């Protein structure tokens, strides 16, 4: 199964931290998340991003003020993700709120994470932040399990 991470380059540090938490989701469900940091030199980056969106079944939107301010994300990535979702009902879109912002602008169609006491709470507002990261990771894992009817893959015995 293929995943796609959409994030603003201004949030690269936050992206890298959250990316570490997503590694457990990849291992648990045999999923590979792709992000634009994997584009090789010489590749046409816009075509590569749109190709990866077209192949993905799981999308993680790392929302923040910078994410919402990105013209590329708003005008290219999000319409491509919505178009992918429109033609394939087996596509899961998961907004993750990194920092306090008007996340509902892009996430109102889908439940965002992390949630505490029934309300979305930005990861930046958690103390310590790793609890917010883990709560968002758990929400993503639960959503994949429920949406696709897949259980996590147990570690094989030696």
C-alpha atoms as a PDB file:
ATOM      1  CA  UNK A   1       0.000   0.000   0.000  1.00  0.00           C
ATOM      2  CA  UNK A   2       1.260   3.502  -0.855  1.00  0.00           C
ATOM      3  CA  UNK A   3       0.991   6.653   1.220  1.00  0.00           C
ATOM      4  CA  UNK A   4       1.686  10.311   0.481  1.00  0.00           C
ATOM      5  CA  UNK A   5       2.703  13.000   2.967  1.00  0.00           C
ATOM      6  CA  UNK A   6       1.805  16.588   2.117  1.00  0.00           C
ATOM      7  CA  UNK A   7       3.639  19.244   4.135  1.00  0.00           C
ATOM      8  CA  UNK A   8       4.988  22.774   3.788  1.00  0.00           C
ATOM      9  CA  UNK A   9       8.751  23.070   3.408  1.00  0.00           C
ATOM     10  CA  UNK A  10       8.740  25.733   6.141  1.00  0.00           C
ATOM     11  CA  UNK A  11       7.659  22.881   8.463  1.00  0.00           C
ATOM     12  CA  UNK A  12      10.508  20.556   7.477  1.00  0.00           C
ATOM     13  CA  UNK A  13      11.754  20.134  11.065  1.00  0.00           C
ATOM     14  CA  UNK A  14       8.230  19.260  12.280  1.00  0.00           C
ATOM     15  CA  UNK A  15       7.767  16.973   9.261  1.00  0.00           C
ATOM     16  CA  UNK A  16      10.988  15.060  10.051  1.00  0.00           C
ATOM     17  CA  UNK A  17       9.905  14.511  13.654  1.00  0.00           C
ATOM     18  CA  UNK A  18       6.456  13.291  12.668  1.00  0.00           C
ATOM     19  CA  UNK A  19       7.934  11.170   9.867  1.00  0.00           C
ATOM     20  CA  UNK A  20       9.769   9.166  12.536  1.00  0.00           C
ATOM     21  CA  UNK A  21       6.446   8.372  14.230  1.00  0.00           C
ATOM     22  CA  UNK A  22       4.947   7.282  10.891  1.00  0.00           C
ATOM     23  CA  UNK A  23       7.643   4.637  10.478  1.00  0.00           C
ATOM     24  CA  UNK A  24       5.791   2.456  12.999  1.00  0.00           C
ATOM     25  CA  UNK A  25       2.619   2.776  10.870  1.00  0.00           C
ATOM     26  CA  UNK A  26       4.577   1.737   7.787  1.00  0.00           C
ATOM     27  CA  UNK A  27       5.912  -1.346   9.531  1.00  0.00           C
ATOM     28  CA  UNK A  28       2.585  -2.240  11.128  1.00  0.00           C
ATOM     29  CA  UNK A  29       0.600  -2.136   7.888  1.00  0.00           C
ATOM     30  CA  UNK A  30       3.153  -2.807   5.139  1.00  0.00           C
ATOM     31  CA  UNK A  31       2.712   0.766   3.950  1.00  0.00           C
ATOM     32  CA  UNK A  32       5.271   3.050   2.319  1.00  0.00           C
ATOM     33  CA  UNK A  33       4.809   6.797   2.778  1.00  0.00           C
ATOM     34  CA  UNK A  34       6.326   8.989   0.083  1.00  0.00           C
ATOM     35  CA  UNK A  35       7.230  12.656   0.461  1.00  0.00           C
ATOM     36  CA  UNK A  36       8.884  15.125  -1.866  1.00  0.00           C
ATOM     37  CA  UNK A  37      12.208  14.793  -0.079  1.00  0.00           C
ATOM     38  CA  UNK A  38      12.579  11.550  -2.039  1.00  0.00           C
ATOM     39  CA  UNK A  39      12.706  13.313  -5.436  1.00  0.00           C
ATOM     40  CA  UNK A  40      16.013  12.603  -7.137  1.00  0.00           C
ATOM     41  CA  UNK A  41      18.096  15.233  -8.883  1.00  0.00           C
ATOM     42  CA  UNK A  42      17.031  15.743 -12.475  1.00  0.00           C
ATOM     43  CA  UNK A  43      13.443  14.614 -11.951  1.00  0.00           C
ATOM     44  CA  UNK A  44      10.575  16.901 -12.905  1.00  0.00           C
ATOM     45  CA  UNK A  45       9.332  17.506  -9.365  1.00  0.00           C
ATOM     46  CA  UNK A  46       5.752  18.549 -10.213  1.00  0.00           C
ATOM     47  CA  UNK A  47       5.204  15.468 -12.389  1.00  0.00           C
ATOM     48  CA  UNK A  48       6.752  13.217  -9.753  1.00  0.00           C
ATOM     49  CA  UNK A  49       4.495  14.603  -7.004  1.00  0.00           C
ATOM     50  CA  UNK A  50       1.350  14.229  -9.117  1.00  0.00           C
ATOM     51  CA  UNK A  51       2.392  10.675 -10.100  1.00  0.00           C
ATOM     52  CA  UNK A  52       2.820   9.750  -6.424  1.00  0.00           C
ATOM     53  CA  UNK A  53      -0.557  11.260  -5.519  1.00  0.00           C
ATOM     54  CA  UNK A  54      -2.170   9.196  -8.267  1.00  0.00           C
ATOM     55  CA  UNK A  55      -0.630   6.001  -6.828  1.00  0.00           C
ATOM     56  CA  UNK A  56      -1.397   6.647  -3.152  1.00  0.00           C
ATOM     57  CA  UNK A  57      -4.193   5.162  -1.051  1.00  0.00           C
ATOM     58  CA  UNK A  58      -3.381   6.951   2.234  1.00  0.00           C
ATOM     59  CA  UNK A  59      -2.732  10.695   2.470  1.00  0.00           C
ATOM     60  CA  UNK A  60      -1.377  12.495   5.518  1.00  0.00           C
ATOM     61  CA  UNK A  61      -1.852  16.274   5.401  1.00  0.00           C
ATOM     62  CA  UNK A  62       0.490  17.963   7.897  1.00  0.00           C
ATOM     63  CA  UNK A  63      -1.484  21.160   8.383  1.00  0.00           C
ATOM     64  CA  UNK A  64      -0.035  24.371   9.789  1.00  0.00           C
ATOM     65  CA  UNK A  65      -0.124  28.080   8.935  1.00  0.00           C
ATOM     66  CA  UNK A  66       2.677  27.454   6.403  1.00  0.00           C
ATOM     67  CA  UNK A  67       0.737  24.533   4.870  1.00  0.00           C
ATOM     68  CA  UNK A  68      -2.337  26.734   4.410  1.00  0.00           C
ATOM     69  CA  UNK A  69      -0.220  29.561   2.984  1.00  0.00           C
ATOM     70  CA  UNK A  70       1.455  27.341   0.368  1.00  0.00           C
ATOM     71  CA  UNK A  71       0.100  28.138  -3.090  1.00  0.00           C
ATOM     72  CA  UNK A  72       1.517  24.868  -4.435  1.00  0.00           C
ATOM     73  CA  UNK A  73      -0.235  22.753  -1.832  1.00  0.00           C
ATOM     74  CA  UNK A  74      -3.517  24.661  -2.140  1.00  0.00           C
ATOM     75  CA  UNK A  75      -3.571  24.883  -5.959  1.00  0.00           C
ATOM     76  CA  UNK A  76      -1.860  21.620  -6.992  1.00  0.00           C
ATOM     77  CA  UNK A  77      -1.594  18.963  -4.281  1.00  0.00           C
ATOM     78  CA  UNK A  78      -4.974  19.329  -2.581  1.00  0.00           C
ATOM     79  CA  UNK A  79      -6.987  19.351  -5.848  1.00  0.00           C
ATOM     80  CA  UNK A  80      -5.039  16.277  -7.020  1.00  0.00           C
ATOM     81  CA  UNK A  81      -5.724  14.514  -3.699  1.00  0.00           C
ATOM     82  CA  UNK A  82      -9.430  15.404  -3.902  1.00  0.00           C
ATOM     83  CA  UNK A  83      -9.557  14.148  -7.508  1.00  0.00           C
ATOM     84  CA  UNK A  84      -7.888  10.890  -6.444  1.00  0.00           C
ATOM     85  CA  UNK A  85     -10.440  10.503  -3.647  1.00  0.00           C
ATOM     86  CA  UNK A  86     -13.301  11.206  -6.073  1.00  0.00           C
ATOM     87  CA  UNK A  87     -12.337   8.337  -8.383  1.00  0.00           C
ATOM     88  CA  UNK A  88     -11.344   5.813  -5.729  1.00  0.00           C
ATOM     89  CA  UNK A  89     -13.445   5.156  -2.647  1.00  0.00           C
ATOM     90  CA  UNK A  90     -10.551   3.215  -1.081  1.00  0.00           C
ATOM     91  CA  UNK A  91      -8.553   6.397  -0.446  1.00  0.00           C
ATOM     92  CA  UNK A  92      -8.061   7.612   3.120  1.00  0.00           C
ATOM     93  CA  UNK A  93      -7.212  11.268   3.835  1.00  0.00           C
ATOM     94  CA  UNK A  94      -5.855  12.072   7.304  1.00  0.00           C
ATOM     95  CA  UNK A  95      -5.242  15.704   8.304  1.00  0.00           C
ATOM     96  CA  UNK A  96      -2.756  16.056  11.167  1.00  0.00           C
ATOM     97  CA  UNK A  97      -2.632  19.484  12.805  1.00  0.00           C
ATOM     98  CA  UNK A  98       1.008  20.357  13.490  1.00  0.00           C
ATOM     99  CA  UNK A  99       0.451  23.910  14.692  1.00  0.00           C
ATOM    100  CA  UNK A 100      -2.561  26.044  15.549  1.00  0.00           C
ATOM    101  CA  UNK A 101      -4.187  27.165  12.309  1.00  0.00           C
ATOM    102  CA  UNK A 102      -7.457  27.254  10.389  1.00  0.00           C
ATOM    103  CA  UNK A 103      -7.068  23.535   9.585  1.00  0.00           C
ATOM    104  CA  UNK A 104     -10.800  23.269   8.851  1.00  0.00           C
ATOM    105  CA  UNK A 105     -10.104  25.055   5.541  1.00  0.00           C
ATOM    106  CA  UNK A 106      -8.655  21.816   4.181  1.00  0.00           C
ATOM    107  CA  UNK A 107      -9.603  19.308   6.839  1.00  0.00           C
ATOM    108  CA  UNK A 108     -13.302  19.938   7.349  1.00  0.00           C
ATOM    109  CA  UNK A 109     -14.182  17.046   5.032  1.00  0.00           C
ATOM    110  CA  UNK A 110     -12.127  14.595   7.092  1.00  0.00           C
ATOM    111  CA  UNK A 111     -11.610  14.098  10.820  1.00  0.00           C
ATOM    112  CA  UNK A 112      -8.300  15.614  11.888  1.00  0.00           C
ATOM    113  CA  UNK A 113      -5.830  14.368  14.501  1.00  0.00           C
ATOM    114  CA  UNK A 114      -4.649  14.514  17.199  1.00  0.00           C
ATOM    115  CA  UNK A 115      -7.775  14.700  19.339  1.00  0.00           C
ATOM    116  CA  UNK A 116      -8.018  15.230  23.069  1.00  0.00           C
ATOM    117  CA  UNK A 117     -11.350  15.175  24.920  1.00  0.00           C
ATOM    118  CA  UNK A 118     -13.242  15.238  21.625  1.00  0.00           C
ATOM    119  CA  UNK A 119     -11.453  18.299  20.185  1.00  0.00           C
ATOM    120  CA  UNK A 120      -8.598  18.611  17.728  1.00  0.00           C
ATOM    121  CA  UNK A 121      -5.467  19.872  19.472  1.00  0.00           C
ATOM    122  CA  UNK A 122      -2.370  20.915  17.499  1.00  0.00           C
ATOM    123  CA  UNK A 123       0.756  18.863  18.171  1.00  0.00           C
ATOM    124  CA  UNK A 124       2.635  22.076  19.044  1.00  0.00           C
ATOM    125  CA  UNK A 125       0.244  22.555  21.990  1.00  0.00           C
ATOM    126  CA  UNK A 126       0.974  19.170  23.621  1.00  0.00           C
ATOM    127  CA  UNK A 127       3.416  19.050  26.505  1.00  0.00           C
ATOM    128  CA  UNK A 128       5.506  17.078  25.816  1.00  0.00           C
ATOM    129  CA  UNK A 129       4.962  17.219  22.058  1.00  0.00           C
ATOM    130  CA  UNK A 130       5.784  13.532  21.630  1.00  0.00           C
ATOM    131  CA  UNK A 131       2.394  12.787  23.209  1.00  0.00           C
ATOM    132  CA  UNK A 132       0.707  14.744  20.416  1.00  0.00           C
ATOM    133  CA  UNK A 133       2.802  12.934  17.823  1.00  0.00           C
ATOM    134  CA  UNK A 134       1.901   9.581  19.329  1.00  0.00           C
ATOM    135  CA  UNK A 135      -1.799  10.453  19.598  1.00  0.00           C
ATOM    136  CA  UNK A 136      -1.803  11.402  15.898  1.00  0.00           C
ATOM    137  CA  UNK A 137       0.116   8.211  15.010  1.00  0.00           C
ATOM    138  CA  UNK A 138      -2.408   6.139  16.930  1.00  0.00           C
ATOM    139  CA  UNK A 139      -5.311   7.846  15.133  1.00  0.00           C
ATOM    140  CA  UNK A 140      -3.693   7.100  11.765  1.00  0.00           C
ATOM    141  CA  UNK A 141      -3.121   3.454  12.747  1.00  0.00           C
ATOM    142  CA  UNK A 142      -6.713   3.072  13.973  1.00  0.00           C
ATOM    143  CA  UNK A 143      -8.076   4.675  10.801  1.00  0.00           C
ATOM    144  CA  UNK A 144      -6.058   2.396   8.519  1.00  0.00           C
ATOM    145  CA  UNK A 145      -7.109  -0.658  10.529  1.00  0.00           C
ATOM    146  CA  UNK A 146     -10.800   0.276  10.424  1.00  0.00           C
ATOM    147  CA  UNK A 147     -10.981   1.724   6.895  1.00  0.00           C
ATOM    148  CA  UNK A 148      -9.122  -1.136   5.209  1.00  0.00           C
ATOM    149  CA  UNK A 149     -10.075  -3.898   7.665  1.00  0.00           C
ATOM    150  CA  UNK A 150      -6.401  -4.704   8.186  1.00  0.00           C
ATOM    151  CA  UNK A 151      -4.718  -5.753  11.389  1.00  0.00           C
ATOM    152  CA  UNK A 152      -1.153  -4.691  12.102  1.00  0.00           C
ATOM    153  CA  UNK A 153       1.460  -7.153  10.875  1.00  0.00           C
ATOM    154  CA  UNK A 154       3.107  -8.796  13.899  1.00  0.00           C
ATOM    155  CA  UNK A 155       6.872  -9.025  14.104  1.00  0.00           C
ATOM    156  CA  UNK A 156       7.895 -12.431  12.776  1.00  0.00           C
ATOM    157  CA  UNK A 157       9.610 -14.812  15.167  1.00  0.00           C
ATOM    158  CA  UNK A 158      13.281 -15.526  14.337  1.00  0.00           C
END
